[in-house]
Amino acid sequence: MIASSTSGANRQREIYSKGFAGRLPIVPIDPIKLEEAAAAKMSTQAKAYIVGGAGLESTIRANRASFEKYKIIPRMLRNVSERDTSIQLLGQKYPSPFFLSPIGVLEMVHPQADVAVGKAAASLNIPYIFSNQSSRPMEQVAEAMGNSPHWFQLYWSKSRDLVASFVQRAERCGCSAIAVTLDTTMLGWRTRDLDMAYLPFMEGRGIAQYTSDPVFQKLMDEVEPAAKQQLTFQLLSGLITMTKNYPGNGFFSKLKSKRPIKAVQKFVSIYSNPALTWDDLKFLRQHTKLPILLKGILHPDDARLAIDHGIDGIIISNHGGRQVDGSISTFEALPKIAEAVAGQIPILIDSGVRGGADAFKALALGATAVCIGRPYVYGLTLAGEEGVKEVLRNFLADFDLTMGLAGCKNTSEITRETLI
């Protein structure tokens, strides 16, 4: 049954009781106001990188609009006084259908970054998929989470040795699955970032998985010194930030070693690999015993190919609308993919999820679990670890109430028949 800490009714009572005493929620509960408040607090660069998308951002809009195409049909007199929001996934039972999507460079909005998110997720036993582009090494976040479930997102770089090292580190720090992101073998045309000519990785942000990796440290030795550029205030500022972000003590010793510059140069040169094919997945299977999921699947034929290649699960994703402008929305892609998969492997979905009703609809159309993305970053922006926790508690409460009010006692009762 649902724990009292995540019961929607209990969450409502808590909010109203605090309100009676003059205390408002620490983050806005309305998802639109949550985004607006967080965006207002972010730097211009952070807002562009986190809130923005590719091109005209039509995919971001489609991700939200597509959830409106289906309506929930509540059923009455079903005795939903006790509800069970748990799901089964890859042989494990989870208390809710929610996972946290990997989002990189969280240091742009809060100094505790991924660690704060990990602690908040652990407090509610919500699995957190560590970002390949995190601001803290995976080992540090795993330690903060203890025995709570966590996965690792892999960006497949041009170095197979580095790929192997990442997944082996993920195994050692207790990750229970690898989610390979397939839709970012090249960066999408992200107009907000391009208008500012700003990419956080150039300042050494979001590359903690790399600089903490022994294989990457050896790869840095191959880097030739960068060509000298005319010194400007902007360049000097960037070099200072880059050096500060590089691990270790002693600013001037780090600067003299040129390791911070080499780290960024090497990262930029091997970050992504557009030459990947289905055959490359054999290499990954040879280097990890963990379940492998493919993130970025949008076509039913790719879902079938994933099954043919022995993949353990898929994540329907368009990268939150940050890669292909005009792409199909994830919720639109779900029904045909669910039909193609036919229950053979689990399906997760992200991009555009903003509340419990969205999660309900996704499960009704065949998803096993639902991943939360930007909203938890907005909570982090506004109130750190506690802000993330409050956002997640609101998702849990909203889903619990939606399920009960729709006449479902457990997630297995959320079927296609609950929608029109």
Protein backbone atom coordinates (compact mmCIF):
# COMPACT_ATOMS: atom_id res chain seq x y z
CA MET A 1 0.00 0.00 0.00
CA ILE A 2 1.05 3.60 -0.43
CA ALA A 3 3.27 4.95 2.33
CA SER A 4 1.81 7.73 4.44
CA SER A 5 4.71 10.01 3.45
CA THR A 6 3.65 9.81 -0.21
CA SER A 7 -0.14 9.69 0.26
CA GLY A 8 -1.79 12.42 -1.74
CA ALA A 9 -4.34 13.14 1.00
CA ASN A 10 -1.62 13.41 3.65
CA ARG A 11 0.40 15.71 1.43
CA GLN A 12 -2.62 17.95 0.96
CA ARG A 13 -3.29 18.07 4.71
CA GLU A 14 0.33 18.97 5.37
CA ILE A 15 0.23 21.85 2.89
CA TYR A 16 -3.07 23.21 4.17
CA SER A 17 -2.02 22.86 7.83
CA LYS A 18 1.18 24.80 7.20
CA GLY A 19 -0.83 27.38 5.28
CA PHE A 20 -3.11 27.84 8.27
CA ALA A 21 0.00 28.67 10.28
CA GLY A 22 1.13 31.15 7.65
CA ARG A 23 3.72 29.00 5.84
CA LEU A 24 3.46 28.62 2.09
CA PRO A 25 5.13 25.81 0.08
CA ILE A 26 8.86 26.43 -0.46
CA VAL A 27 8.45 25.87 -4.21
CA PRO A 28 5.40 26.61 -6.38
CA ILE A 29 3.16 23.59 -6.87
CA ASP A 30 1.70 24.74 -10.18
CA PRO A 31 4.23 23.44 -12.78
CA ILE A 32 4.00 26.59 -14.88
CA LYS A 33 4.69 28.84 -11.90
CA LEU A 34 7.47 26.49 -10.80
CA GLU A 35 9.24 26.92 -14.12
CA GLU A 36 8.71 30.67 -14.14
CA ALA A 37 10.08 31.09 -10.61
CA ALA A 38 13.13 28.94 -11.31
CA ALA A 39 13.85 30.60 -14.65
CA ALA A 40 13.73 34.01 -12.96
CA LYS A 41 16.40 32.88 -10.49
CA MET A 42 18.72 31.26 -13.05
CA SER A 43 21.56 33.00 -14.80
CA THR A 44 20.92 33.83 -18.44
CA GLN A 45 23.23 30.98 -19.48
CA ALA A 46 21.59 28.45 -17.17
CA LYS A 47 18.10 29.41 -18.31
CA ALA A 48 19.06 28.95 -21.96
CA TYR A 49 20.74 25.60 -21.33
CA ILE A 50 18.10 24.07 -19.05
CA VAL A 51 14.81 25.62 -20.15
CA GLY A 52 15.60 25.94 -23.85
CA GLY A 53 15.34 23.47 -26.71
CA ALA A 54 16.29 22.96 -30.34
CA GLY A 55 15.32 25.30 -33.16
CA LEU A 56 11.95 26.96 -32.70
CA GLU A 57 11.33 24.71 -29.68
CA SER A 58 8.29 23.15 -31.32
CA THR A 59 9.21 19.76 -29.85
CA ILE A 60 9.06 21.15 -26.32
CA ARG A 61 5.56 22.44 -27.02
CA ALA A 62 4.53 19.15 -28.65
CA ASN A 63 5.72 17.18 -25.63
CA ARG A 64 3.20 19.00 -23.49
CA ALA A 65 0.36 19.31 -26.01
CA SER A 66 0.34 15.58 -26.78
CA PHE A 67 -0.79 14.70 -23.27
CA GLU A 68 -4.02 16.61 -23.93
CA LYS A 69 -5.05 14.28 -26.75
CA TYR A 70 -6.20 11.62 -24.32
CA LYS A 71 -8.65 12.11 -21.46
CA ILE A 72 -9.02 10.08 -18.27
CA ILE A 73 -12.41 8.46 -17.66
CA PRO A 74 -12.89 8.25 -13.87
CA ARG A 75 -14.88 5.29 -12.53
CA MET A 76 -16.95 5.45 -9.35
CA LEU A 77 -17.67 3.28 -6.26
CA ARG A 78 -14.48 1.22 -6.58
CA ASN A 79 -13.31 1.35 -2.91
CA VAL A 80 -9.99 3.11 -3.46
CA SER A 81 -9.45 3.85 0.24
CA GLU A 82 -6.17 1.90 0.09
CA ARG A 83 -3.95 2.34 -2.95
CA ASP A 84 -0.74 0.75 -4.18
CA THR A 85 1.35 2.95 -6.48
CA SER A 86 4.22 0.46 -6.82
CA ILE A 87 5.52 -1.04 -10.07
CA GLN A 88 7.72 -3.98 -11.08
CA LEU A 89 10.67 -3.21 -13.33
CA LEU A 90 13.60 -5.45 -14.29
CA GLY A 91 12.84 -7.79 -11.44
CA GLN A 92 12.72 -5.03 -8.84
CA LYS A 93 9.76 -3.49 -7.03
CA TYR A 94 9.65 0.30 -6.83
CA PRO A 95 7.21 2.28 -4.66
CA SER A 96 6.09 4.50 -7.52
CA PRO A 97 6.41 4.69 -11.32
CA PHE A 98 8.72 7.73 -11.11
CA PHE A 99 12.40 7.88 -12.04
CA LEU A 100 14.62 10.95 -12.34
CA SER A 101 15.96 11.57 -15.83
CA PRO A 102 19.64 12.38 -16.21
CA ILE A 103 20.26 16.12 -16.55
CA GLY A 104 23.78 17.49 -16.75
CA VAL A 105 25.64 20.57 -15.54
CA LEU A 106 23.46 21.05 -12.45
CA GLU A 107 26.17 23.22 -10.90
CA MET A 108 24.72 25.97 -13.08
CA VAL A 109 21.74 26.22 -10.71
CA HIS A 110 23.01 24.97 -7.32
CA PRO A 111 26.45 24.29 -5.78
CA GLN A 112 25.39 20.89 -4.40
CA ALA A 113 24.23 19.87 -7.88
CA ASP A 114 23.81 16.11 -8.37
CA VAL A 115 24.49 15.32 -4.70
CA ALA A 116 21.47 17.35 -3.60
CA VAL A 117 19.30 15.61 -6.19
CA GLY A 118 20.59 12.20 -5.13
CA LYS A 119 19.84 12.84 -1.47
CA ALA A 120 16.31 14.05 -2.25
CA ALA A 121 15.63 11.04 -4.47
CA ALA A 122 17.01 8.65 -1.84
CA SER A 123 14.76 10.13 0.86
CA LEU A 124 11.74 9.05 -1.21
CA ASN A 125 13.28 5.89 -2.71
CA ILE A 126 12.92 7.28 -6.23
CA PRO A 127 15.59 5.93 -8.62
CA TYR A 128 17.99 8.55 -9.98
CA ILE A 129 19.67 8.07 -13.35
CA PHE A 130 23.12 9.68 -12.96
CA SER A 131 24.02 11.99 -15.82
CA ASN A 132 27.08 11.28 -17.94
CA GLN A 133 27.54 15.05 -17.89
CA SER A 134 27.19 15.49 -14.15
CA SER A 135 28.83 18.11 -11.99
CA ARG A 136 29.90 15.49 -9.42
CA PRO A 137 31.52 12.08 -9.98
CA MET A 138 29.10 9.16 -9.89
CA GLU A 139 30.87 7.68 -6.84
CA GLN A 140 30.20 10.80 -4.79
CA VAL A 141 26.49 10.81 -5.64
CA ALA A 142 26.18 7.06 -5.04
CA GLU A 143 27.72 7.46 -1.59
CA ALA A 144 25.22 10.19 -0.76
CA MET A 145 22.35 7.94 -1.83
CA GLY A 146 23.40 4.87 0.16
CA ASN A 147 21.38 1.81 -0.79
CA SER A 148 18.73 3.75 -2.70
CA PRO A 149 18.37 2.75 -6.36
CA HIS A 150 20.41 4.53 -9.01
CA TRP A 151 21.29 3.94 -12.67
CA PHE A 152 23.93 5.45 -14.94
CA GLN A 153 23.35 7.26 -18.22
CA LEU A 154 26.07 6.62 -20.80
CA TYR A 155 27.04 8.93 -23.64
CA TRP A 156 29.06 6.73 -25.99
CA SER A 157 32.26 8.65 -26.68
CA LYS A 158 34.84 8.06 -29.41
CA SER A 159 37.02 6.17 -26.90
CA ARG A 160 35.87 2.61 -26.29
CA ASP A 161 38.28 2.36 -23.37
CA LEU A 162 36.51 5.30 -21.75
CA VAL A 163 33.10 3.72 -22.39
CA ALA A 164 34.26 0.54 -20.69
CA SER A 165 35.70 2.48 -17.77
CA PHE A 166 32.46 4.40 -17.23
CA VAL A 167 30.27 1.30 -17.11
CA GLN A 168 32.70 -0.54 -14.85
CA ARG A 169 32.72 2.40 -12.45
CA ALA A 170 28.92 2.39 -12.57
CA GLU A 171 28.89 -1.26 -11.53
CA ARG A 172 31.31 -0.64 -8.67
CA CYS A 173 29.28 2.26 -7.26
CA GLY A 174 26.08 0.25 -7.14
CA CYS A 175 24.24 1.34 -10.28
CA SER A 176 21.65 -1.28 -11.19
CA ALA A 177 21.30 -0.47 -14.93
CA ILE A 178 22.95 1.40 -17.80
CA ALA A 179 20.83 3.77 -19.92
CA VAL A 180 22.60 4.51 -23.21
CA THR A 181 21.55 7.85 -24.68
CA LEU A 182 21.33 7.48 -28.46
CA ASP A 183 19.86 10.82 -29.51
CA THR A 184 22.86 13.01 -28.73
CA THR A 185 25.62 11.70 -30.97
CA MET A 186 25.72 15.33 -32.06
CA LEU A 187 24.41 18.42 -30.30
CA GLY A 188 21.11 19.69 -31.63
CA TRP A 189 20.73 23.23 -33.01
CA ARG A 190 20.04 24.88 -29.65
CA THR A 191 19.28 28.44 -30.57
CA ARG A 192 19.30 29.98 -27.10
CA ASP A 193 22.81 28.65 -26.38
CA LEU A 194 24.03 29.59 -29.85
CA ASP A 195 22.75 33.16 -29.55
CA MET A 196 25.00 33.57 -26.51
CA ALA A 197 27.79 31.48 -28.06
CA TYR A 198 27.90 29.65 -24.73
CA LEU A 199 28.49 25.99 -23.94
CA PRO A 200 29.13 25.16 -20.26
CA PHE A 201 31.55 22.34 -21.10
CA MET A 202 33.98 24.92 -22.48
CA GLU A 203 34.37 26.19 -18.91
CA GLY A 204 34.97 22.70 -17.56
CA ARG A 205 31.43 22.44 -16.20
CA GLY A 206 29.55 19.16 -16.40
CA ILE A 207 32.59 16.96 -17.07
CA ALA A 208 33.14 15.53 -13.59
CA GLN A 209 32.65 11.94 -14.81
CA TYR A 210 35.56 12.52 -17.19
CA THR A 211 38.06 14.30 -14.98
CA SER A 212 37.49 11.69 -12.26
CA ASP A 213 38.18 8.82 -14.65
CA PRO A 214 41.66 7.20 -14.88
CA VAL A 215 41.26 6.37 -18.57
CA PHE A 216 40.31 9.95 -19.39
CA GLN A 217 43.30 11.23 -17.42
CA LYS A 218 45.57 9.13 -19.63
CA LEU A 219 43.80 10.35 -22.75
CA MET A 220 44.52 13.92 -21.66
CA ASP A 221 48.24 13.19 -22.03
CA GLU A 222 47.69 12.90 -25.78
CA VAL A 223 46.46 16.48 -26.07
CA GLU A 224 48.70 18.90 -27.92
CA PRO A 225 48.95 22.43 -26.50
CA ALA A 226 46.17 24.67 -27.77
CA ALA A 227 47.02 27.42 -30.20
CA LYS A 228 47.48 30.74 -28.47
CA GLN A 229 44.56 33.15 -28.74
CA GLN A 230 44.39 36.87 -28.27
CA LEU A 231 43.77 37.47 -24.58
CA THR A 232 40.41 39.05 -23.86
CA PHE A 233 38.50 39.58 -20.64
CA GLN A 234 36.03 36.86 -21.67
CA LEU A 235 38.84 34.39 -22.43
CA LEU A 236 40.58 35.16 -19.13
CA SER A 237 37.32 34.72 -17.23
CA GLY A 238 36.72 31.39 -18.95
CA LEU A 239 40.21 30.15 -18.09
CA ILE A 240 39.72 31.07 -14.45
CA THR A 241 36.37 29.26 -14.31
CA MET A 242 37.83 26.25 -16.12
CA THR A 243 40.72 26.02 -13.66
CA LYS A 244 38.45 26.38 -10.63
CA ASN A 245 36.20 23.61 -11.92
CA TYR A 246 39.06 21.16 -12.40
CA PRO A 247 39.45 18.78 -9.41
CA GLY A 248 42.26 19.27 -6.93
CA ASN A 249 43.70 22.02 -4.79
CA GLY A 250 45.95 24.90 -5.70
CA PHE A 251 44.61 27.23 -8.37
CA PHE A 252 47.98 28.30 -9.73
CA SER A 253 49.44 24.79 -9.74
CA LYS A 254 46.42 23.58 -11.71
CA LEU A 255 46.75 26.49 -14.11
CA LYS A 256 50.46 25.86 -14.60
CA SER A 257 49.89 22.15 -15.28
CA LYS A 258 47.50 23.02 -18.13
CA ARG A 259 45.43 19.98 -17.12
CA PRO A 260 42.19 21.99 -16.96
CA ILE A 261 42.68 23.17 -20.56
CA LYS A 262 43.65 19.69 -21.71
CA ALA A 263 40.56 18.22 -20.03
CA VAL A 264 38.23 20.52 -21.96
CA GLN A 265 40.11 19.98 -25.23
CA LYS A 266 40.00 16.20 -24.90
CA PHE A 267 36.36 16.21 -23.84
CA VAL A 268 35.30 18.29 -26.82
CA SER A 269 37.18 16.01 -29.20
CA ILE A 270 35.72 12.68 -27.96
CA TYR A 271 32.42 13.63 -26.29
CA SER A 272 30.07 12.11 -28.87
CA ASN A 273 30.25 9.47 -31.55
CA PRO A 274 27.92 9.81 -34.58
CA ALA A 275 29.41 6.63 -36.12
CA LEU A 276 27.57 4.33 -33.67
CA THR A 277 25.55 1.41 -35.04
CA TRP A 278 23.51 -1.42 -33.56
CA ASP A 279 26.55 -3.68 -33.81
CA ASP A 280 28.42 -1.52 -31.29
CA LEU A 281 26.04 -2.64 -28.56
CA LYS A 282 27.87 -5.99 -28.44
CA PHE A 283 30.87 -4.17 -26.97
CA LEU A 284 28.80 -2.81 -24.13
CA ARG A 285 27.34 -6.23 -23.33
CA GLN A 286 30.88 -7.60 -23.15
CA HIS A 287 31.85 -5.03 -20.51
CA THR A 288 28.91 -5.04 -18.12
CA LYS A 289 26.54 -7.53 -16.54
CA LEU A 290 24.04 -4.78 -15.75
CA PRO A 291 20.74 -4.46 -17.65
CA ILE A 292 21.08 -2.17 -20.67
CA LEU A 293 18.35 0.24 -21.74
CA LEU A 294 18.35 2.43 -24.83
CA LYS A 295 17.31 6.05 -24.29
CA GLY A 296 16.00 8.07 -27.22
CA ILE A 297 13.83 5.47 -28.95
CA LEU A 298 10.93 7.06 -30.88
CA HIS A 299 10.20 4.63 -33.72
CA PRO A 300 8.55 1.22 -33.24
CA ASP A 301 11.05 -0.40 -35.63
CA ASP A 302 13.90 0.75 -33.38
CA ALA A 303 12.06 -0.75 -30.42
CA ARG A 304 11.88 -4.06 -32.28
CA LEU A 305 15.58 -3.84 -33.14
CA ALA A 306 16.35 -3.25 -29.47
CA ILE A 307 14.60 -6.50 -28.62
CA ASP A 308 16.39 -8.31 -31.46
CA HIS A 309 19.73 -7.13 -30.03
CA GLY A 310 18.96 -8.40 -26.54
CA ILE A 311 18.39 -5.00 -24.95
CA ASP A 312 16.70 -5.11 -21.55
CA GLY A 313 14.49 -2.02 -21.86
CA ILE A 314 13.90 1.26 -23.70
CA ILE A 315 13.33 4.86 -22.71
CA ILE A 316 11.11 6.80 -25.09
CA SER A 317 12.72 10.23 -25.17
CA ASN A 318 13.40 13.17 -27.45
CA HIS A 319 15.84 14.71 -24.98
CA GLY A 320 13.23 17.12 -23.68
CA GLY A 321 12.96 18.71 -27.12
CA ARG A 322 16.63 19.69 -27.12
CA GLN A 323 17.81 17.70 -30.13
CA VAL A 324 15.41 17.65 -33.10
CA ASP A 325 13.07 20.58 -33.64
CA GLY A 326 9.78 19.29 -35.04
CA SER A 327 10.29 15.78 -33.65
CA ILE A 328 7.43 13.51 -32.72
CA SER A 329 6.53 13.92 -29.06
CA THR A 330 7.30 11.05 -26.71
CA PHE A 331 3.68 10.55 -25.69
CA GLU A 332 2.64 10.37 -29.35
CA ALA A 333 5.30 7.70 -29.93
CA LEU A 334 4.26 5.60 -26.94
CA PRO A 335 1.21 3.66 -28.28
CA LYS A 336 2.90 2.26 -31.39
CA ILE A 337 6.07 1.43 -29.49
CA ALA A 338 4.07 -0.31 -26.78
CA GLU A 339 2.30 -2.32 -29.48
CA ALA A 340 5.63 -3.27 -31.06
CA VAL A 341 7.21 -4.26 -27.75
CA ALA A 342 4.12 -6.22 -26.64
CA GLY A 343 5.32 -6.48 -23.05
CA GLN A 344 8.62 -8.18 -23.92
CA ILE A 345 10.75 -5.48 -22.25
CA PRO A 346 9.90 -2.51 -20.01
CA ILE A 347 9.18 0.91 -21.50
CA LEU A 348 10.06 4.15 -19.72
CA ILE A 349 9.08 7.56 -21.05
CA ASP A 350 10.30 11.11 -20.42
CA SER A 351 9.99 14.59 -21.93
CA GLY A 352 7.04 16.80 -21.05
CA VAL A 353 5.88 15.02 -17.89
CA ARG A 354 4.57 17.69 -15.53
CA GLY A 355 2.15 15.96 -13.18
CA GLY A 356 0.42 12.86 -11.88
CA ALA A 357 -2.16 12.83 -14.66
CA ASP A 358 0.63 12.68 -17.26
CA ALA A 359 2.11 9.66 -15.50
CA PHE A 360 -1.32 8.01 -15.29
CA LYS A 361 -1.90 8.46 -19.01
CA ALA A 362 1.57 7.13 -19.85
CA LEU A 363 1.01 3.97 -17.82
CA ALA A 364 -2.41 3.55 -19.40
CA LEU A 365 -0.86 3.54 -22.88
CA GLY A 366 1.80 0.97 -22.02
CA ALA A 367 4.66 2.65 -20.16
CA THR A 368 6.15 0.79 -17.22
CA ALA A 369 7.62 3.89 -15.59
CA VAL A 370 7.82 7.64 -16.12
CA CYS A 371 10.89 9.87 -15.85
CA ILE A 372 10.79 13.39 -14.40
CA GLY A 373 13.20 15.89 -15.94
CA ARG A 374 13.19 19.69 -15.77
CA PRO A 375 10.77 20.04 -12.81
CA TYR A 376 13.24 18.59 -10.31
CA VAL A 377 15.91 20.96 -11.64
CA TYR A 378 13.53 23.83 -10.98
CA GLY A 379 13.15 22.63 -7.40
CA LEU A 380 16.93 22.42 -7.09
CA THR A 381 17.26 25.97 -8.40
CA LEU A 382 14.82 27.41 -5.90
CA ALA A 383 15.60 25.50 -2.72
CA GLY A 384 18.37 22.94 -3.20
CA GLU A 385 17.84 19.44 -1.84
CA GLU A 386 14.62 20.39 -0.06
CA GLY A 387 13.29 21.97 -3.23
CA VAL A 388 13.88 18.77 -5.20
CA LYS A 389 12.23 16.74 -2.45
CA GLU A 390 9.16 18.98 -2.42
CA VAL A 391 8.76 18.74 -6.19
CA LEU A 392 9.00 14.94 -6.03
CA ARG A 393 6.55 14.72 -3.14
CA ASN A 394 4.09 16.75 -5.19
CA PHE A 395 4.44 14.36 -8.15
CA LEU A 396 3.88 11.37 -5.87
CA ALA A 397 0.84 12.94 -4.24
CA ASP A 398 -0.68 14.05 -7.53
CA PHE A 399 -0.26 10.58 -9.04
CA ASP A 400 -1.72 8.86 -5.99
CA LEU A 401 -4.78 11.13 -5.98
CA THR A 402 -5.26 10.86 -9.76
CA MET A 403 -5.10 7.07 -9.58
CA GLY A 404 -7.62 6.90 -6.74
CA LEU A 405 -10.00 9.46 -8.22
CA ALA A 406 -9.93 7.57 -11.51
CA GLY A 407 -11.08 4.46 -9.66
CA CYS A 408 -7.81 2.49 -9.67
CA LYS A 409 -6.52 0.77 -6.52
CA ASN A 410 -3.13 -0.12 -8.03
CA THR A 411 -1.04 0.53 -11.12
CA SER A 412 -2.09 -2.75 -12.76
CA GLU A 413 -5.60 -1.32 -13.04
CA ILE A 414 -4.33 1.63 -15.09
CA THR A 415 -5.11 0.28 -18.54
CA ARG A 416 -6.05 1.59 -21.97
CA GLU A 417 -9.70 1.40 -20.92
CA THR A 418 -9.14 4.26 -18.45
CA LEU A 419 -8.60 6.70 -21.33
CA ILE A 420 -10.63 8.01 -24.21
